[in-house]
Amino acid sequence: MDQLPGSPQGPRDQGPQDAGSPPGCYRHPDRETGVRCTRCERPICPECMVSASVGFQCPDCVRGGSDAGHAPAASRPRTLAGGTVAADPRLVTKVLIGLNLAIYLIQISVGDAFTNSYTLFGRAVLSGDVQGVAEGQWYRMLTSMFLHGSPTHIIFNMLSLWWVGGPLEAALGRARYITLYFVSGLAGSALTYLLAAPNQPSLGASGAIFGLFGATAVLMRRLNYDMRPVIALLVINLIFTFGWSNIAWQAHIGGLIGGVVVGYAMVHAPRERRNLVQYGVAGLMLVAVVVTTLLRTAQLT
């Protein structure tokens, strides 16, 4: 949550399933799924889905060759959203967690001087000088996404990032996932800058994490999964957002909106114009961030 400081691969064949329950992925039996490989008809989870001309294929069928009879090397495994299937599908999530933890250690070592230099606020007197985004310190909208106000704050955010971010990264691919993460985080910063009091500081990764929540909901809807768990998780987080006085709700809502919009483009883009639609929508969201920032700056200066 954004705070206001001071203010294995499994067996190839599936065993019998419980009556009425969705089958488990043939590579990850603990993951229920309603999607099957269009070639071998084995159930596959989002991490194992490889985009094909019709539907999705499993990694084993892709390695065995394409529908058109091409050699295996001619068919590159692709994720649900068109990204390249990586050997480590959670690498970016691990890097983001490591970066957040490293910066928090710097915060602890250096103290408030470091945090105050990179946290997000619109315009206020700090160390005798007028500072803030309105004074040209736009970097605060990005750097504040990697700062945290307490051990509880960073632990909660990093656990959420691991639980939600890892599966989403596997489903989207690295480039699309990191695009989603940063666009959502910046959308949260922009809404905070627009609506919060100019001297109200805000910091934390939860704007970006709420974007991942939103994109996860879109993905689950796309795959016809049971939406109740993710909706319940979102509701719980929104209750915390509006129930605690020291949480920047603007960052959460802005990140959630950015995640839903960009996430929808990532998983619903037509195959023939996939990159254009996906990155085009992300670019438009960044334009909205810039316009919002310019408008708020004009109000404050």
C-alpha atoms as a PDB file:
ATOM      1  CA  MET A   1       0.000   0.000   0.000  1.00  0.00           C
ATOM      2  CA  ASP A   2       1.128   3.558  -0.630  1.00  0.00           C
ATOM      3  CA  GLN A   3       1.729   5.321   2.626  1.00  0.00           C
ATOM      4  CA  LEU A   4       1.752   8.939   3.603  1.00  0.00           C
ATOM      5  CA  PRO A   5       4.916   9.278   5.763  1.00  0.00           C
ATOM      6  CA  GLY A   6       4.551  11.619   8.601  1.00  0.00           C
ATOM      7  CA  SER A   7       1.018  12.258   7.760  1.00  0.00           C
ATOM      8  CA  PRO A   8       8.068 -27.986 -11.118  1.00  0.00           C
ATOM      9  CA  GLN A   9       7.170 -29.592 -13.700  1.00  0.00           C
ATOM     10  CA  GLY A  10       4.563 -32.398 -13.106  1.00  0.00           C
ATOM     11  CA  PRO A  11       3.803 -35.717 -14.801  1.00  0.00           C
ATOM     12  CA  ARG A  12       2.709 -35.748 -18.399  1.00  0.00           C
ATOM     13  CA  ASP A  13      -0.584 -37.493 -17.747  1.00  0.00           C
ATOM     14  CA  GLN A  14      -3.277 -36.267 -15.393  1.00  0.00           C
ATOM     15  CA  GLY A  15      -4.863 -38.399 -12.725  1.00  0.00           C
ATOM     16  CA  PRO A  16      -8.597 -38.459 -12.133  1.00  0.00           C
ATOM     17  CA  GLN A  17     -10.169 -35.146 -11.221  1.00  0.00           C
ATOM     18  CA  ASP A  18     -12.835 -34.461  -8.633  1.00  0.00           C
ATOM     19  CA  ALA A  19     -16.314 -34.383 -10.123  1.00  0.00           C
ATOM     20  CA  GLY A  20     -17.273 -30.882 -11.130  1.00  0.00           C
ATOM     21  CA  SER A  21     -13.770 -29.469 -10.640  1.00  0.00           C
ATOM     22  CA  PRO A  22     -11.724 -28.017 -13.500  1.00  0.00           C
ATOM     23  CA  PRO A  23      -8.733 -30.177 -14.492  1.00  0.00           C
ATOM     24  CA  GLY A  24      -5.237 -29.299 -13.347  1.00  0.00           C
ATOM     25  CA  CYS A  25      -2.488 -28.243 -15.717  1.00  0.00           C
ATOM     26  CA  TYR A  26      -0.517 -31.291 -16.904  1.00  0.00           C
ATOM     27  CA  ARG A  27       2.744 -29.560 -15.932  1.00  0.00           C
ATOM     28  CA  HIS A  28       1.420 -27.882 -12.783  1.00  0.00           C
ATOM     29  CA  PRO A  29      -1.274 -30.228 -11.378  1.00  0.00           C
ATOM     30  CA  ASP A  30      -2.112 -27.864  -8.516  1.00  0.00           C
ATOM     31  CA  ARG A  31      -3.306 -25.168 -10.932  1.00  0.00           C
ATOM     32  CA  GLU A  32      -6.889 -25.600 -12.146  1.00  0.00           C
ATOM     33  CA  THR A  33      -7.564 -24.479 -15.703  1.00  0.00           C
ATOM     34  CA  GLY A  34     -10.317 -24.449 -18.278  1.00  0.00           C
ATOM     35  CA  VAL A  35      -7.948 -24.187 -21.264  1.00  0.00           C
ATOM     36  CA  ARG A  36      -6.583 -27.158 -23.236  1.00  0.00           C
ATOM     37  CA  CYS A  37      -3.860 -27.518 -25.850  1.00  0.00           C
ATOM     38  CA  THR A  38      -5.454 -27.444 -29.307  1.00  0.00           C
ATOM     39  CA  ARG A  39      -3.175 -30.298 -30.478  1.00  0.00           C
ATOM     40  CA  CYS A  40      -2.912 -32.833 -27.638  1.00  0.00           C
ATOM     41  CA  GLU A  41      -5.917 -31.541 -25.625  1.00  0.00           C
ATOM     42  CA  ARG A  42      -4.056 -31.633 -22.315  1.00  0.00           C
ATOM     43  CA  PRO A  43      -5.084 -28.916 -19.824  1.00  0.00           C
ATOM     44  CA  ILE A  44      -2.621 -26.007 -19.589  1.00  0.00           C
ATOM     45  CA  CYS A  45      -2.347 -23.056 -17.209  1.00  0.00           C
ATOM     46  CA  PRO A  46      -1.425 -19.485 -18.260  1.00  0.00           C
ATOM     47  CA  GLU A  47       2.280 -20.118 -17.649  1.00  0.00           C
ATOM     48  CA  CYS A  48       2.247 -23.038 -20.106  1.00  0.00           C
ATOM     49  CA  MET A  49       0.058 -21.455 -22.791  1.00  0.00           C
ATOM     50  CA  VAL A  50       1.732 -20.794 -26.124  1.00  0.00           C
ATOM     51  CA  SER A  51      -0.219 -18.670 -28.566  1.00  0.00           C
ATOM     52  CA  ALA A  52      -1.037 -20.565 -31.788  1.00  0.00           C
ATOM     53  CA  SER A  53      -2.904 -19.696 -34.972  1.00  0.00           C
ATOM     54  CA  VAL A  54      -6.005 -21.157 -33.343  1.00  0.00           C
ATOM     55  CA  GLY A  55      -6.183 -21.232 -29.560  1.00  0.00           C
ATOM     56  CA  PHE A  56      -3.205 -22.211 -27.443  1.00  0.00           C
ATOM     57  CA  GLN A  57      -0.684 -25.070 -27.450  1.00  0.00           C
ATOM     58  CA  CYS A  58       1.392 -26.634 -24.701  1.00  0.00           C
ATOM     59  CA  PRO A  59       5.201 -26.260 -24.651  1.00  0.00           C
ATOM     60  CA  ASP A  60       5.712 -29.940 -25.615  1.00  0.00           C
ATOM     61  CA  CYS A  61       3.641 -29.623 -28.794  1.00  0.00           C
ATOM     62  CA  VAL A  62       5.371 -26.389 -29.739  1.00  0.00           C
ATOM     63  CA  ARG A  63       8.795 -27.988 -29.357  1.00  0.00           C
ATOM     64  CA  GLY A  64       7.592 -30.862 -31.533  1.00  0.00           C
ATOM     65  CA  GLY A  65       6.829 -28.577 -34.479  1.00  0.00           C
ATOM     66  CA  SER A  66       4.112 -26.244 -35.723  1.00  0.00           C
ATOM     67  CA  ASP A  67       0.794 -26.989 -37.422  1.00  0.00           C
ATOM     68  CA  ALA A  68       2.255 -25.933 -40.746  1.00  0.00           C
ATOM     69  CA  GLY A  69       4.943 -28.609 -40.566  1.00  0.00           C
ATOM     70  CA  HIS A  70       7.821 -26.253 -39.877  1.00  0.00           C
ATOM     71  CA  ALA A  71      10.888 -27.452 -38.044  1.00  0.00           C
ATOM     72  CA  PRO A  72      10.711 -27.035 -34.264  1.00  0.00           C
ATOM     73  CA  ALA A  73      13.195 -24.158 -34.394  1.00  0.00           C
ATOM     74  CA  ALA A  74      10.809 -22.189 -36.612  1.00  0.00           C
ATOM     75  CA  SER A  75       8.135 -22.087 -33.921  1.00  0.00           C
ATOM     76  CA  ARG A  76       9.093 -19.914 -30.993  1.00  0.00           C
ATOM     77  CA  PRO A  77       7.066 -20.491 -27.845  1.00  0.00           C
ATOM     78  CA  ARG A  78       4.845 -17.532 -27.099  1.00  0.00           C
ATOM     79  CA  THR A  79       2.825 -16.544 -24.070  1.00  0.00           C
ATOM     80  CA  LEU A  80      -0.880 -15.806 -24.034  1.00  0.00           C
ATOM     81  CA  ALA A  81      -0.174 -12.162 -24.864  1.00  0.00           C
ATOM     82  CA  GLY A  82       2.448 -12.869 -27.533  1.00  0.00           C
ATOM     83  CA  GLY A  83       5.577 -12.581 -25.425  1.00  0.00           C
ATOM     84  CA  THR A  84       8.479 -14.996 -25.585  1.00  0.00           C
ATOM     85  CA  VAL A  85       8.288 -17.887 -23.127  1.00  0.00           C
ATOM     86  CA  ALA A  86      11.265 -17.460 -20.787  1.00  0.00           C
ATOM     87  CA  ALA A  87      13.288 -20.079 -18.960  1.00  0.00           C
ATOM     88  CA  ASP A  88      12.590 -18.227 -15.724  1.00  0.00           C
ATOM     89  CA  PRO A  89       9.043 -16.819 -16.056  1.00  0.00           C
ATOM     90  CA  ARG A  90       9.349 -14.829 -12.809  1.00  0.00           C
ATOM     91  CA  LEU A  91      12.705 -13.139 -13.394  1.00  0.00           C
ATOM     92  CA  VAL A  92      11.390  -9.572 -13.697  1.00  0.00           C
ATOM     93  CA  THR A  93       9.291  -9.990 -10.561  1.00  0.00           C
ATOM     94  CA  LYS A  94      12.351 -11.185  -8.672  1.00  0.00           C
ATOM     95  CA  VAL A  95      14.374  -8.221  -9.926  1.00  0.00           C
ATOM     96  CA  LEU A  96      11.663  -5.767  -8.915  1.00  0.00           C
ATOM     97  CA  ILE A  97      11.440  -7.263  -5.433  1.00  0.00           C
ATOM     98  CA  GLY A  98      15.223  -7.184  -5.069  1.00  0.00           C
ATOM     99  CA  LEU A  99      15.349  -3.561  -6.214  1.00  0.00           C
ATOM    100  CA  ASN A 100      12.663  -2.500  -3.764  1.00  0.00           C
ATOM    101  CA  LEU A 101      14.400  -4.278  -0.903  1.00  0.00           C
ATOM    102  CA  ALA A 102      17.788  -2.779  -1.804  1.00  0.00           C
ATOM    103  CA  ILE A 103      16.366   0.746  -1.900  1.00  0.00           C
ATOM    104  CA  TYR A 104      14.627   0.208   1.417  1.00  0.00           C
ATOM    105  CA  LEU A 105      17.944  -0.774   2.963  1.00  0.00           C
ATOM    106  CA  ILE A 106      19.370   2.485   1.627  1.00  0.00           C
ATOM    107  CA  GLN A 107      16.473   4.345   3.214  1.00  0.00           C
ATOM    108  CA  ILE A 108      17.251   2.755   6.552  1.00  0.00           C
ATOM    109  CA  SER A 109      20.986   3.457   6.229  1.00  0.00           C
ATOM    110  CA  VAL A 110      20.786   7.073   5.028  1.00  0.00           C
ATOM    111  CA  GLY A 111      17.640   8.144   6.813  1.00  0.00           C
ATOM    112  CA  ASP A 112      14.917  10.671   6.082  1.00  0.00           C
ATOM    113  CA  ALA A 113      17.162  12.842   3.925  1.00  0.00           C
ATOM    114  CA  PHE A 114      17.197  10.160   1.220  1.00  0.00           C
ATOM    115  CA  THR A 115      13.483   9.416   1.478  1.00  0.00           C
ATOM    116  CA  ASN A 116      12.502  13.079   1.385  1.00  0.00           C
ATOM    117  CA  SER A 117      14.597  13.620  -1.739  1.00  0.00           C
ATOM    118  CA  TYR A 118      12.706  11.028  -3.787  1.00  0.00           C
ATOM    119  CA  THR A 119       9.212  10.737  -2.324  1.00  0.00           C
ATOM    120  CA  LEU A 120       6.206  12.100  -4.223  1.00  0.00           C
ATOM    121  CA  PHE A 121       4.559  15.399  -3.366  1.00  0.00           C
ATOM    122  CA  GLY A 122       3.293  18.275  -5.429  1.00  0.00           C
ATOM    123  CA  ARG A 123       4.814  21.412  -3.943  1.00  0.00           C
ATOM    124  CA  ALA A 124       6.065  22.136  -0.441  1.00  0.00           C
ATOM    125  CA  VAL A 125       8.893  23.735   1.491  1.00  0.00           C
ATOM    126  CA  LEU A 126      11.533  21.144   2.304  1.00  0.00           C
ATOM    127  CA  SER A 127      14.908  21.916   3.897  1.00  0.00           C
ATOM    128  CA  GLY A 128      14.243  25.580   3.365  1.00  0.00           C
ATOM    129  CA  ASP A 129      13.547  25.273  -0.379  1.00  0.00           C
ATOM    130  CA  VAL A 130      10.346  24.979  -2.375  1.00  0.00           C
ATOM    131  CA  GLN A 131      10.452  21.495  -3.898  1.00  0.00           C
ATOM    132  CA  GLY A 132       8.149  18.952  -5.539  1.00  0.00           C
ATOM    133  CA  VAL A 133       6.894  17.782  -8.920  1.00  0.00           C
ATOM    134  CA  ALA A 134       5.526  21.250  -9.661  1.00  0.00           C
ATOM    135  CA  GLU A 135       9.070  22.606  -9.293  1.00  0.00           C
ATOM    136  CA  GLY A 136      10.361  20.373 -12.093  1.00  0.00           C
ATOM    137  CA  GLN A 137      11.191  17.329  -9.949  1.00  0.00           C
ATOM    138  CA  TRP A 138       9.182  14.949 -12.149  1.00  0.00           C
ATOM    139  CA  TYR A 139      11.475  12.076 -11.235  1.00  0.00           C
ATOM    140  CA  ARG A 140       9.629  11.856  -7.926  1.00  0.00           C
ATOM    141  CA  MET A 141       6.687  10.224  -9.732  1.00  0.00           C
ATOM    142  CA  LEU A 142       8.956   7.298 -10.610  1.00  0.00           C
ATOM    143  CA  THR A 143      11.328   7.127  -7.647  1.00  0.00           C
ATOM    144  CA  SER A 144       8.484   7.166  -5.120  1.00  0.00           C
ATOM    145  CA  MET A 145       7.359   3.796  -6.546  1.00  0.00           C
ATOM    146  CA  PHE A 146      10.448   2.167  -4.988  1.00  0.00           C
ATOM    147  CA  LEU A 147      10.291   3.772  -1.537  1.00  0.00           C
ATOM    148  CA  HIS A 148       8.518   2.407   1.533  1.00  0.00           C
ATOM    149  CA  GLY A 149       7.674   3.856   4.901  1.00  0.00           C
ATOM    150  CA  SER A 150       8.051   0.900   7.273  1.00  0.00           C
ATOM    151  CA  PRO A 151       8.965  -2.808   7.444  1.00  0.00           C
ATOM    152  CA  THR A 152       5.269  -3.733   7.428  1.00  0.00           C
ATOM    153  CA  HIS A 153       4.709  -1.557   4.374  1.00  0.00           C
ATOM    154  CA  ILE A 154       7.413  -3.175   2.250  1.00  0.00           C
ATOM    155  CA  ILE A 155       6.707  -6.734   3.437  1.00  0.00           C
ATOM    156  CA  PHE A 156       3.031  -6.435   2.530  1.00  0.00           C
ATOM    157  CA  ASN A 157       3.806  -4.937  -0.871  1.00  0.00           C
ATOM    158  CA  MET A 158       6.537  -7.420  -1.781  1.00  0.00           C
ATOM    159  CA  LEU A 159       4.375 -10.414  -0.823  1.00  0.00           C
ATOM    160  CA  SER A 160       1.579  -9.013  -2.984  1.00  0.00           C
ATOM    161  CA  LEU A 161       4.031  -8.444  -5.839  1.00  0.00           C
ATOM    162  CA  TRP A 162       5.254 -12.053  -5.640  1.00  0.00           C
ATOM    163  CA  TRP A 163       1.791 -13.607  -5.420  1.00  0.00           C
ATOM    164  CA  VAL A 164       0.205 -11.533  -8.178  1.00  0.00           C
ATOM    165  CA  GLY A 165       3.178 -10.495 -10.307  1.00  0.00           C
ATOM    166  CA  GLY A 166       4.807 -13.889 -10.847  1.00  0.00           C
ATOM    167  CA  PRO A 167       1.846 -15.625 -12.553  1.00  0.00           C
ATOM    168  CA  LEU A 168       1.036 -12.481 -14.521  1.00  0.00           C
ATOM    169  CA  GLU A 169       4.601 -12.188 -15.795  1.00  0.00           C
ATOM    170  CA  ALA A 170       4.447 -15.813 -16.962  1.00  0.00           C
ATOM    171  CA  ALA A 171       1.186 -15.131 -18.822  1.00  0.00           C
ATOM    172  CA  LEU A 172       2.275 -11.873 -20.481  1.00  0.00           C
ATOM    173  CA  GLY A 173       6.010 -12.218 -21.019  1.00  0.00           C
ATOM    174  CA  ARG A 174       8.721  -9.991 -19.647  1.00  0.00           C
ATOM    175  CA  ALA A 175       8.455  -6.938 -21.920  1.00  0.00           C
ATOM    176  CA  ARG A 176       4.688  -6.622 -21.633  1.00  0.00           C
ATOM    177  CA  TYR A 177       4.749  -7.284 -17.919  1.00  0.00           C
ATOM    178  CA  ILE A 178       7.307  -4.621 -17.140  1.00  0.00           C
ATOM    179  CA  THR A 179       5.452  -2.174 -19.384  1.00  0.00           C
ATOM    180  CA  LEU A 180       2.257  -2.871 -17.449  1.00  0.00           C
ATOM    181  CA  TYR A 181       4.044  -2.455 -14.126  1.00  0.00           C
ATOM    182  CA  PHE A 182       5.594   0.924 -14.829  1.00  0.00           C
ATOM    183  CA  VAL A 183       2.613   2.402 -16.672  1.00  0.00           C
ATOM    184  CA  SER A 184       0.324   1.417 -13.786  1.00  0.00           C
ATOM    185  CA  GLY A 185       2.720   2.855 -11.224  1.00  0.00           C
ATOM    186  CA  LEU A 186       3.014   6.143 -13.098  1.00  0.00           C
ATOM    187  CA  ALA A 187      -0.765   6.329 -13.491  1.00  0.00           C
ATOM    188  CA  GLY A 188      -1.045   6.014  -9.729  1.00  0.00           C
ATOM    189  CA  SER A 189       1.529   8.754  -9.233  1.00  0.00           C
ATOM    190  CA  ALA A 190      -0.259  11.031 -11.682  1.00  0.00           C
ATOM    191  CA  LEU A 191      -3.632  10.684  -9.954  1.00  0.00           C
ATOM    192  CA  THR A 192      -1.976  11.283  -6.585  1.00  0.00           C
ATOM    193  CA  TYR A 193      -0.303  14.415  -7.916  1.00  0.00           C
ATOM    194  CA  LEU A 194      -3.608  15.635  -9.358  1.00  0.00           C
ATOM    195  CA  LEU A 195      -5.915  15.017  -6.406  1.00  0.00           C
ATOM    196  CA  ALA A 196      -3.802  15.002  -3.247  1.00  0.00           C
ATOM    197  CA  ALA A 197      -2.844  18.124  -1.342  1.00  0.00           C
ATOM    198  CA  PRO A 198       0.366  19.639  -2.745  1.00  0.00           C
ATOM    199  CA  ASN A 199       2.282  19.100   0.504  1.00  0.00           C
ATOM    200  CA  GLN A 200       1.006  15.536   1.016  1.00  0.00           C
ATOM    201  CA  PRO A 201       3.873  13.054   0.560  1.00  0.00           C
ATOM    202  CA  SER A 202       3.211   9.605  -0.932  1.00  0.00           C
ATOM    203  CA  LEU A 203       5.451   6.606  -1.508  1.00  0.00           C
ATOM    204  CA  GLY A 204       5.183   2.871  -2.178  1.00  0.00           C
ATOM    205  CA  ALA A 205       4.894   0.231  -4.913  1.00  0.00           C
ATOM    206  CA  SER A 206       1.195  -0.392  -4.435  1.00  0.00           C
ATOM    207  CA  GLY A 207       0.069   1.817  -7.341  1.00  0.00           C
ATOM    208  CA  ALA A 208       1.893  -0.564  -9.675  1.00  0.00           C
ATOM    209  CA  ILE A 209       0.719  -3.588  -7.688  1.00  0.00           C
ATOM    210  CA  PHE A 210      -2.912  -2.488  -7.946  1.00  0.00           C
ATOM    211  CA  GLY A 211      -2.306  -2.295 -11.695  1.00  0.00           C
ATOM    212  CA  LEU A 212      -1.229  -5.938 -11.594  1.00  0.00           C
ATOM    213  CA  PHE A 213      -4.417  -6.777  -9.678  1.00  0.00           C
ATOM    214  CA  GLY A 214      -6.498  -5.096 -12.384  1.00  0.00           C
ATOM    215  CA  ALA A 215      -4.671  -6.860 -15.215  1.00  0.00           C
ATOM    216  CA  THR A 216      -5.021 -10.197 -13.392  1.00  0.00           C
ATOM    217  CA  ALA A 217      -8.788  -9.723 -13.222  1.00  0.00           C
ATOM    218  CA  VAL A 218      -8.868  -9.002 -16.971  1.00  0.00           C
ATOM    219  CA  LEU A 219      -6.734 -12.091 -17.678  1.00  0.00           C
ATOM    220  CA  MET A 220      -8.897 -14.374 -15.548  1.00  0.00           C
ATOM    221  CA  ARG A 221     -11.999 -13.092 -17.315  1.00  0.00           C
ATOM    222  CA  ARG A 222     -10.323 -13.735 -20.685  1.00  0.00           C
ATOM    223  CA  LEU A 223      -9.604 -17.350 -19.658  1.00  0.00           C
ATOM    224  CA  ASN A 224     -13.093 -17.873 -18.193  1.00  0.00           C
ATOM    225  CA  TYR A 225     -11.666 -18.561 -14.752  1.00  0.00           C
ATOM    226  CA  ASP A 226     -13.652 -18.174 -11.547  1.00  0.00           C
ATOM    227  CA  MET A 227     -13.542 -14.435 -10.845  1.00  0.00           C
ATOM    228  CA  ARG A 228     -14.606 -14.634  -7.215  1.00  0.00           C
ATOM    229  CA  PRO A 229     -11.133 -15.025  -5.642  1.00  0.00           C
ATOM    230  CA  VAL A 230      -9.624 -12.033  -7.429  1.00  0.00           C
ATOM    231  CA  ILE A 231     -12.712  -9.904  -6.825  1.00  0.00           C
ATOM    232  CA  ALA A 232     -12.624 -10.767  -3.128  1.00  0.00           C
ATOM    233  CA  LEU A 233      -8.932  -9.871  -2.969  1.00  0.00           C
ATOM    234  CA  LEU A 234      -9.584  -6.566  -4.708  1.00  0.00           C
ATOM    235  CA  VAL A 235     -12.438  -5.716  -2.370  1.00  0.00           C
ATOM    236  CA  ILE A 236     -10.311  -6.469   0.690  1.00  0.00           C
ATOM    237  CA  ASN A 237      -7.518  -4.262  -0.617  1.00  0.00           C
ATOM    238  CA  LEU A 238      -9.944  -1.448  -1.423  1.00  0.00           C
ATOM    239  CA  ILE A 239     -11.364  -1.652   2.099  1.00  0.00           C
ATOM    240  CA  PHE A 240      -7.846  -1.178   3.454  1.00  0.00           C
ATOM    241  CA  THR A 241      -7.304   1.627   0.941  1.00  0.00           C
ATOM    242  CA  PHE A 242     -10.247   3.717   2.108  1.00  0.00           C
ATOM    243  CA  GLY A 243     -10.336   2.491   5.713  1.00  0.00           C
ATOM    244  CA  TRP A 244      -6.884   3.672   6.825  1.00  0.00           C
ATOM    245  CA  SER A 245      -6.161   7.374   6.995  1.00  0.00           C
ATOM    246  CA  ASN A 246      -2.447   7.108   6.093  1.00  0.00           C
ATOM    247  CA  ILE A 247      -2.917   5.419   2.710  1.00  0.00           C
ATOM    248  CA  ALA A 248      -2.796   7.338  -0.565  1.00  0.00           C
ATOM    249  CA  TRP A 249      -5.988   6.008  -2.142  1.00  0.00           C
ATOM    250  CA  GLN A 250      -5.308   8.043  -5.271  1.00  0.00           C
ATOM    251  CA  ALA A 251      -2.254   5.913  -6.124  1.00  0.00           C
ATOM    252  CA  HIS A 252      -4.252   2.709  -5.694  1.00  0.00           C
ATOM    253  CA  ILE A 253      -7.152   3.840  -7.864  1.00  0.00           C
ATOM    254  CA  GLY A 254      -4.892   5.352 -10.522  1.00  0.00           C
ATOM    255  CA  GLY A 255      -2.792   2.195 -10.689  1.00  0.00           C
ATOM    256  CA  LEU A 256      -5.898   0.000 -10.848  1.00  0.00           C
ATOM    257  CA  ILE A 257      -7.329   2.004 -13.756  1.00  0.00           C
ATOM    258  CA  GLY A 258      -4.012   1.901 -15.603  1.00  0.00           C
ATOM    259  CA  GLY A 259      -3.689  -1.843 -15.034  1.00  0.00           C
ATOM    260  CA  VAL A 260      -7.192  -2.622 -16.285  1.00  0.00           C
ATOM    261  CA  VAL A 261      -6.784  -0.509 -19.437  1.00  0.00           C
ATOM    262  CA  VAL A 262      -3.305  -1.747 -20.368  1.00  0.00           C
ATOM    263  CA  GLY A 263      -4.075  -5.303 -19.238  1.00  0.00           C
ATOM    264  CA  TYR A 264      -7.159  -5.426 -21.458  1.00  0.00           C
ATOM    265  CA  ALA A 265      -5.057  -4.366 -24.439  1.00  0.00           C
ATOM    266  CA  MET A 266      -2.419  -6.972 -23.601  1.00  0.00           C
ATOM    267  CA  VAL A 267      -4.776  -9.978 -23.526  1.00  0.00           C
ATOM    268  CA  HIS A 268      -7.415  -8.916 -26.081  1.00  0.00           C
ATOM    269  CA  ALA A 269      -5.271  -7.380 -28.833  1.00  0.00           C
ATOM    270  CA  PRO A 270      -5.934  -9.010 -32.249  1.00  0.00           C
ATOM    271  CA  ARG A 271      -3.114 -11.299 -33.309  1.00  0.00           C
ATOM    272  CA  GLU A 272      -2.396  -9.475 -36.584  1.00  0.00           C
ATOM    273  CA  ARG A 273      -1.935  -6.101 -34.828  1.00  0.00           C
ATOM    274  CA  ARG A 274      -0.906  -7.318 -31.423  1.00  0.00           C
ATOM    275  CA  ASN A 275       2.205  -5.201 -30.812  1.00  0.00           C
ATOM    276  CA  LEU A 276       0.617  -2.049 -32.200  1.00  0.00           C
ATOM    277  CA  VAL A 277      -2.456  -2.330 -29.993  1.00  0.00           C
ATOM    278  CA  GLN A 278      -0.625  -3.419 -26.857  1.00  0.00           C
ATOM    279  CA  TYR A 279       2.138  -0.852 -26.857  1.00  0.00           C
ATOM    280  CA  GLY A 280      -0.090   1.781 -28.473  1.00  0.00           C
ATOM    281  CA  VAL A 281      -2.530   1.644 -25.556  1.00  0.00           C
ATOM    282  CA  ALA A 282       0.364   1.721 -23.093  1.00  0.00           C
ATOM    283  CA  GLY A 283       1.707   4.780 -24.911  1.00  0.00           C
ATOM    284  CA  LEU A 284      -1.670   6.508 -24.772  1.00  0.00           C
ATOM    285  CA  MET A 285      -1.819   5.875 -21.050  1.00  0.00           C
ATOM    286  CA  LEU A 286       1.593   7.489 -20.665  1.00  0.00           C
ATOM    287  CA  VAL A 287       0.338  10.483 -22.665  1.00  0.00           C
ATOM    288  CA  ALA A 288      -2.552  10.756 -20.200  1.00  0.00           C
ATOM    289  CA  VAL A 289      -0.025  10.706 -17.353  1.00  0.00           C
ATOM    290  CA  VAL A 290       1.979  13.517 -18.938  1.00  0.00           C
ATOM    291  CA  VAL A 291      -1.101  15.640 -19.673  1.00  0.00           C
ATOM    292  CA  THR A 292      -2.387  15.179 -16.127  1.00  0.00           C
ATOM    293  CA  THR A 293       1.007  16.168 -14.735  1.00  0.00           C
ATOM    294  CA  LEU A 294       1.198  19.291 -16.912  1.00  0.00           C
ATOM    295  CA  LEU A 295      -2.314  20.390 -15.943  1.00  0.00           C
ATOM    296  CA  ARG A 296      -1.630  19.971 -12.232  1.00  0.00           C
ATOM    297  CA  THR A 297       1.682  21.775 -12.547  1.00  0.00           C
ATOM    298  CA  ALA A 298      -0.076  24.699 -14.199  1.00  0.00           C
ATOM    299  CA  GLN A 299      -2.476  24.855 -11.251  1.00  0.00           C
ATOM    300  CA  LEU A 300       0.307  24.916  -8.678  1.00  0.00           C
ATOM    301  CA  THR A 301       2.645  27.400 -10.342  1.00  0.00           C
END
